[in-house]
Protein backbone atom coordinates (compact mmCIF):
# COMPACT_ATOMS: atom_id res chain seq x y z
CA UNK A 1 -6.07 10.20 6.12
CA UNK A 2 -8.85 7.56 6.03
CA UNK A 3 -7.99 4.16 8.13
CA UNK A 4 -6.60 1.28 6.39
CA UNK A 5 -8.40 -1.90 5.52
CA UNK A 6 -6.99 -5.32 4.85
CA UNK A 7 -6.68 -4.42 0.77
CA UNK A 8 -4.96 -1.49 1.42
CA UNK A 9 -2.55 -2.66 3.60
CA UNK A 10 -2.43 -5.99 0.75
CA UNK A 11 -1.46 -3.43 -1.64
CA UNK A 12 0.92 -1.48 0.95
CA UNK A 13 2.61 -5.10 1.23
CA UNK A 14 2.21 -6.24 -2.21
CA UNK A 15 4.02 -2.89 -3.16
CA UNK A 16 6.69 -3.02 -0.47
CA UNK A 17 7.42 -6.70 -1.88
CA UNK A 18 8.42 -6.00 -5.46
CA UNK A 19 9.43 -2.29 -5.52
CA UNK A 20 8.96 -0.23 -8.92
CA UNK A 21 6.65 -3.38 -10.43
CA UNK A 22 3.54 -1.70 -12.37
CA UNK A 23 -0.19 -0.72 -10.84
CA UNK A 24 -1.70 -3.37 -12.76
CA UNK A 25 0.40 -6.47 -11.32
CA UNK A 26 0.50 -4.68 -7.52
CA UNK A 27 -3.36 -5.11 -8.09
CA UNK A 28 -3.40 -8.86 -9.52
CA UNK A 29 -2.92 -10.54 -6.83
CA UNK A 30 -6.44 -8.33 -4.90
CA UNK A 31 -8.42 -9.26 -8.74
CA UNK A 32 -9.99 -12.18 -6.90
CA UNK A 33 -11.92 -9.74 -3.80
CA UNK A 34 -12.16 -6.70 -5.98
CA UNK A 35 -12.70 -5.19 -9.42
CA UNK A 36 -9.83 -4.08 -11.01
CA UNK A 37 -11.59 -0.29 -11.08
CA UNK A 38 -12.04 -0.36 -7.22
CA UNK A 39 -8.30 -1.73 -6.88
CA UNK A 40 -6.71 1.73 -9.24
CA UNK A 41 -8.68 3.98 -7.21
CA UNK A 42 -7.55 2.44 -4.18
CA UNK A 43 -3.91 2.56 -5.45
CA UNK A 44 -4.43 5.94 -6.25
CA UNK A 45 -5.76 6.87 -2.66
CA UNK A 46 -2.71 5.33 -1.10
CA UNK A 47 -0.51 7.31 -3.62
CA UNK A 48 -2.76 10.81 -2.37
CA UNK A 49 -1.89 9.94 1.22
CA UNK A 50 1.95 9.61 0.57
CA UNK A 51 1.95 6.14 1.61
CA UNK A 52 3.42 5.19 -2.11
CA UNK A 53 5.08 6.69 -4.83
CA UNK A 54 4.37 6.29 -8.40
CA UNK A 55 6.43 7.21 -11.16
CA UNK A 56 4.63 7.83 -14.53
CA UNK A 57 7.58 9.58 -16.36
CA UNK A 58 9.99 6.97 -16.55
CA UNK A 59 7.97 4.35 -19.40
CA UNK A 60 4.98 5.39 -21.65
CA UNK A 61 2.18 3.87 -20.42
CA UNK A 62 3.24 2.13 -17.12
CA UNK A 63 2.81 3.93 -13.85
CA UNK A 64 5.36 2.24 -11.61
CA UNK A 65 4.67 2.20 -7.66
CA UNK A 66 6.62 2.18 -4.41
CA UNK A 67 6.55 2.04 -1.41
CA UNK A 68 7.15 5.51 0.68
CA UNK A 69 8.60 5.73 4.29
CA UNK A 70 4.89 6.56 5.35
CA UNK A 71 3.53 3.03 3.57
CA UNK A 72 6.12 1.35 5.40
CA UNK A 73 5.32 2.64 8.72
CA UNK A 74 1.66 2.35 7.87
CA UNK A 75 2.51 -1.23 7.40
CA UNK A 76 4.59 -1.76 10.63
CA UNK A 77 1.61 0.18 12.92
CA UNK A 78 -0.72 -2.76 11.52
CA UNK A 79 1.40 -6.10 12.23
CA UNK A 80 3.16 -4.53 15.84
CA UNK A 81 0.06 -2.91 17.22
CA UNK A 82 1.03 -1.36 21.14
CA UNK A 83 1.60 -3.18 23.29
CA UNK A 84 -0.75 -4.13 26.69
CA UNK A 85 -0.80 -1.37 29.18
CA UNK A 86 0.70 -3.50 31.81
CA UNK A 87 3.86 -4.49 29.39
CA UNK A 88 4.19 -0.36 28.76
CA UNK A 89 4.91 0.42 32.14
CA UNK A 90 6.69 -2.13 33.20
């Protein structure tokens, strides 16, 4: 699994905020930082890592994204880093 960066985490948080939204809407918030093509590739990479699931069947020409438990864990890992060594042993 590749290391998640700030863009990946923001995409995951966006999908977590609005589950079932189209991929295009999830990428919309970051279009000022990356091109649409790059963001779609990132979303496909997140799907390949099983951090999101994408439903391509329920609606024609619409791919809807939802975050997986693994994706939620990745977000939580970033928000709650390991405690300092002295806190672990007390």
